[in-house]
Amino acid sequence: MSQELSKQELHNLAMNIVGEDMKAQGFEFMGVNSKIGKDPQFVGLKDKDLHFVIVRAVSYPQDANAYDPVFMQTIKQHADKFEAKTYYAGVGLGNGTDYAKKVVKDEDYTMVYKGLQEII
């Protein structure tokens, strides 16, 4: 019987996707926190600038690119104390054959990821 990924496993998958994207863009990782509820997930350095990145794994029908603006402003205020830029990275995850279905262990998955969205 196929087993659905847990919330933490989905979060870890989203973290891997965002981490690979950040690595490809030349980020140097200063801190990584993959525990759900501990923000930010990534503290990175790029072009001598500090970046705080919030990662969220979402499932259909949620919009991967929609975030809680009040929460993100709280994170931005925290980042501002460190002169850091703030980003949201939402990753929509679904089953490989049908995006509306759950992600299952050892099966293909589909994703919706548009990259880092700067919070200004």
C-alpha atoms as a PDB file:
ATOM      1  CA  MET A   1       0.000   0.000   0.000  1.00  0.00           C
ATOM      2  CA  SER A   2       1.313   3.437  -0.878  1.00  0.00           C
ATOM      3  CA  GLN A   3       2.017   5.840   1.942  1.00  0.00           C
ATOM      4  CA  GLU A   4       1.441   9.600   1.775  1.00  0.00           C
ATOM      5  CA  LEU A   5       4.272  11.890   2.770  1.00  0.00           C
ATOM      6  CA  SER A   6       3.923  13.449   6.219  1.00  0.00           C
ATOM      7  CA  LYS A   7       3.796  17.236   6.688  1.00  0.00           C
ATOM      8  CA  GLN A   8       7.471  17.207   7.740  1.00  0.00           C
ATOM      9  CA  GLU A   9       8.452  15.087   4.698  1.00  0.00           C
ATOM     10  CA  LEU A  10       6.596  17.481   2.368  1.00  0.00           C
ATOM     11  CA  HIS A  11       8.326  20.395   4.090  1.00  0.00           C
ATOM     12  CA  ASN A  12      11.728  18.702   3.653  1.00  0.00           C
ATOM     13  CA  LEU A  13      11.001  18.132  -0.045  1.00  0.00           C
ATOM     14  CA  ALA A  14      10.084  21.816  -0.464  1.00  0.00           C
ATOM     15  CA  MET A  15      13.277  22.793   1.412  1.00  0.00           C
ATOM     16  CA  ASN A  16      15.362  20.672  -0.984  1.00  0.00           C
ATOM     17  CA  ILE A  17      13.722  22.280  -4.025  1.00  0.00           C
ATOM     18  CA  VAL A  18      14.275  25.824  -2.707  1.00  0.00           C
ATOM     19  CA  GLY A  19      17.786  25.001  -1.445  1.00  0.00           C
ATOM     20  CA  GLU A  20      18.837  23.693  -4.873  1.00  0.00           C
ATOM     21  CA  ASP A  21      17.420  26.845  -6.508  1.00  0.00           C
ATOM     22  CA  MET A  22      19.297  29.074  -4.059  1.00  0.00           C
ATOM     23  CA  LYS A  23      22.526  27.108  -4.580  1.00  0.00           C
ATOM     24  CA  ALA A  24      22.153  27.525  -8.359  1.00  0.00           C
ATOM     25  CA  GLN A  25      21.764  31.288  -7.833  1.00  0.00           C
ATOM     26  CA  GLY A  26      25.019  31.445  -5.879  1.00  0.00           C
ATOM     27  CA  PHE A  27      23.748  31.706  -2.308  1.00  0.00           C
ATOM     28  CA  GLU A  28      26.045  30.741   0.545  1.00  0.00           C
ATOM     29  CA  PHE A  29      24.083  29.146   3.394  1.00  0.00           C
ATOM     30  CA  MET A  30      24.670  30.701   6.816  1.00  0.00           C
ATOM     31  CA  GLY A  31      21.867  28.795   8.535  1.00  0.00           C
ATOM     32  CA  VAL A  32      19.276  26.152   7.640  1.00  0.00           C
ATOM     33  CA  ASN A  33      16.309  25.168   9.794  1.00  0.00           C
ATOM     34  CA  SER A  34      14.073  22.436   8.447  1.00  0.00           C
ATOM     35  CA  LYS A  35      11.809  22.134  11.500  1.00  0.00           C
ATOM     36  CA  ILE A  36       8.223  23.166  10.726  1.00  0.00           C
ATOM     37  CA  GLY A  37       7.318  26.363  12.559  1.00  0.00           C
ATOM     38  CA  LYS A  38      10.909  27.578  12.932  1.00  0.00           C
ATOM     39  CA  ASP A  39      11.416  30.601  10.703  1.00  0.00           C
ATOM     40  CA  PRO A  40      13.291  31.511   8.612  1.00  0.00           C
ATOM     41  CA  GLN A  41      14.180  28.206   6.953  1.00  0.00           C
ATOM     42  CA  PHE A  42      17.233  29.613   5.180  1.00  0.00           C
ATOM     43  CA  VAL A  43      19.606  32.406   6.095  1.00  0.00           C
ATOM     44  CA  GLY A  44      21.801  32.959   3.077  1.00  0.00           C
ATOM     45  CA  LEU A  45      24.475  35.296   1.863  1.00  0.00           C
ATOM     46  CA  LYS A  46      24.636  36.512  -1.717  1.00  0.00           C
ATOM     47  CA  ASP A  47      26.568  39.507  -3.051  1.00  0.00           C
ATOM     48  CA  LYS A  48      27.471  40.344   0.573  1.00  0.00           C
ATOM     49  CA  ASP A  49      23.750  40.760   1.387  1.00  0.00           C
ATOM     50  CA  LEU A  50      21.982  38.689   4.029  1.00  0.00           C
ATOM     51  CA  HIS A  51      18.735  36.963   2.952  1.00  0.00           C
ATOM     52  CA  PHE A  52      16.002  35.379   5.098  1.00  0.00           C
ATOM     53  CA  VAL A  53      13.898  32.844   3.200  1.00  0.00           C
ATOM     54  CA  ILE A  54      10.579  31.428   4.410  1.00  0.00           C
ATOM     55  CA  VAL A  55       9.701  28.082   2.779  1.00  0.00           C
ATOM     56  CA  ARG A  56       6.189  26.654   2.718  1.00  0.00           C
ATOM     57  CA  ALA A  57       5.016  23.365   1.210  1.00  0.00           C
ATOM     58  CA  VAL A  58       1.409  23.644   0.088  1.00  0.00           C
ATOM     59  CA  SER A  59      -1.043  21.208  -1.453  1.00  0.00           C
ATOM     60  CA  TYR A  60      -3.900  21.619  -3.910  1.00  0.00           C
ATOM     61  CA  PRO A  61      -6.124  23.679  -3.855  1.00  0.00           C
ATOM     62  CA  GLN A  62      -3.888  26.179  -1.997  1.00  0.00           C
ATOM     63  CA  ASP A  63      -1.978  28.699  -4.124  1.00  0.00           C
ATOM     64  CA  ALA A  64       1.762  28.054  -3.732  1.00  0.00           C
ATOM     65  CA  ASN A  65       2.518  31.735  -4.321  1.00  0.00           C
ATOM     66  CA  ALA A  66       0.049  33.144  -1.777  1.00  0.00           C
ATOM     67  CA  TYR A  67       1.393  33.962   1.668  1.00  0.00           C
ATOM     68  CA  ASP A  68       0.133  35.521   4.893  1.00  0.00           C
ATOM     69  CA  PRO A  69       1.098  39.211   4.520  1.00  0.00           C
ATOM     70  CA  VAL A  70       0.861  39.931   8.262  1.00  0.00           C
ATOM     71  CA  PHE A  71       3.170  37.020   9.115  1.00  0.00           C
ATOM     72  CA  MET A  72       5.628  37.964   6.364  1.00  0.00           C
ATOM     73  CA  GLN A  73       5.779  41.577   7.609  1.00  0.00           C
ATOM     74  CA  THR A  74       6.656  40.229  11.075  1.00  0.00           C
ATOM     75  CA  ILE A  75       9.498  38.207   9.527  1.00  0.00           C
ATOM     76  CA  LYS A  76      10.568  41.251   7.484  1.00  0.00           C
ATOM     77  CA  GLN A  77      10.727  43.414  10.624  1.00  0.00           C
ATOM     78  CA  HIS A  78      12.970  40.767  12.217  1.00  0.00           C
ATOM     79  CA  ALA A  79      15.134  40.578   9.073  1.00  0.00           C
ATOM     80  CA  ASP A  80      15.417  44.390   8.952  1.00  0.00           C
ATOM     81  CA  LYS A  81      17.198  44.313  12.320  1.00  0.00           C
ATOM     82  CA  PHE A  82      19.932  42.314  10.580  1.00  0.00           C
ATOM     83  CA  GLU A  83      19.760  44.411   7.389  1.00  0.00           C
ATOM     84  CA  ALA A  84      18.578  41.247   5.627  1.00  0.00           C
ATOM     85  CA  LYS A  85      16.283  40.910   2.629  1.00  0.00           C
ATOM     86  CA  THR A  86      13.152  38.796   3.141  1.00  0.00           C
ATOM     87  CA  TYR A  87      11.782  36.235   0.686  1.00  0.00           C
ATOM     88  CA  TYR A  88       8.856  33.844   0.511  1.00  0.00           C
ATOM     89  CA  ALA A  89       9.295  30.546  -1.336  1.00  0.00           C
ATOM     90  CA  GLY A  90       6.069  28.594  -1.732  1.00  0.00           C
ATOM     91  CA  VAL A  91       6.247  25.122  -3.238  1.00  0.00           C
ATOM     92  CA  GLY A  92       3.034  23.469  -4.386  1.00  0.00           C
ATOM     93  CA  LEU A  93       3.359  19.687  -4.263  1.00  0.00           C
ATOM     94  CA  GLY A  94       1.036  17.079  -5.707  1.00  0.00           C
ATOM     95  CA  ASN A  95       0.973  13.519  -6.985  1.00  0.00           C
ATOM     96  CA  GLY A  96       2.839  12.851 -10.225  1.00  0.00           C
ATOM     97  CA  THR A  97      -0.266  11.680 -12.074  1.00  0.00           C
ATOM     98  CA  ASP A  98      -2.749  14.153 -10.578  1.00  0.00           C
ATOM     99  CA  TYR A  99      -1.667  17.404  -8.904  1.00  0.00           C
ATOM    100  CA  ALA A 100      -4.871  17.410  -6.829  1.00  0.00           C
ATOM    101  CA  LYS A 101      -3.898  14.131  -5.117  1.00  0.00           C
ATOM    102  CA  LYS A 102      -1.449  13.658  -2.225  1.00  0.00           C
ATOM    103  CA  VAL A 103       2.270  13.025  -2.716  1.00  0.00           C
ATOM    104  CA  VAL A 104       3.099   9.362  -2.121  1.00  0.00           C
ATOM    105  CA  LYS A 105       6.442   7.892  -1.008  1.00  0.00           C
ATOM    106  CA  ASP A 106       8.615   6.511  -3.801  1.00  0.00           C
ATOM    107  CA  GLU A 107       6.345   7.888  -6.534  1.00  0.00           C
ATOM    108  CA  ASP A 108       6.730  10.844  -8.879  1.00  0.00           C
ATOM    109  CA  TYR A 109       5.397  14.193  -7.783  1.00  0.00           C
ATOM    110  CA  THR A 110       4.477  17.418  -9.522  1.00  0.00           C
ATOM    111  CA  MET A 111       5.403  20.845  -8.256  1.00  0.00           C
ATOM    112  CA  VAL A 112       4.527  24.477  -8.696  1.00  0.00           C
ATOM    113  CA  TYR A 113       7.462  26.703  -7.795  1.00  0.00           C
ATOM    114  CA  LYS A 114       8.059  30.173  -9.180  1.00  0.00           C
ATOM    115  CA  GLY A 115      11.187  30.965  -7.199  1.00  0.00           C
ATOM    116  CA  LEU A 116      11.892  33.429  -4.411  1.00  0.00           C
ATOM    117  CA  GLN A 117       9.390  36.273  -3.968  1.00  0.00           C
ATOM    118  CA  GLU A 118      10.944  39.312  -2.280  1.00  0.00           C
ATOM    119  CA  ILE A 119       8.874  40.864   0.510  1.00  0.00           C
ATOM    120  CA  ILE A 120       9.117  44.660   0.374  1.00  0.00           C
END
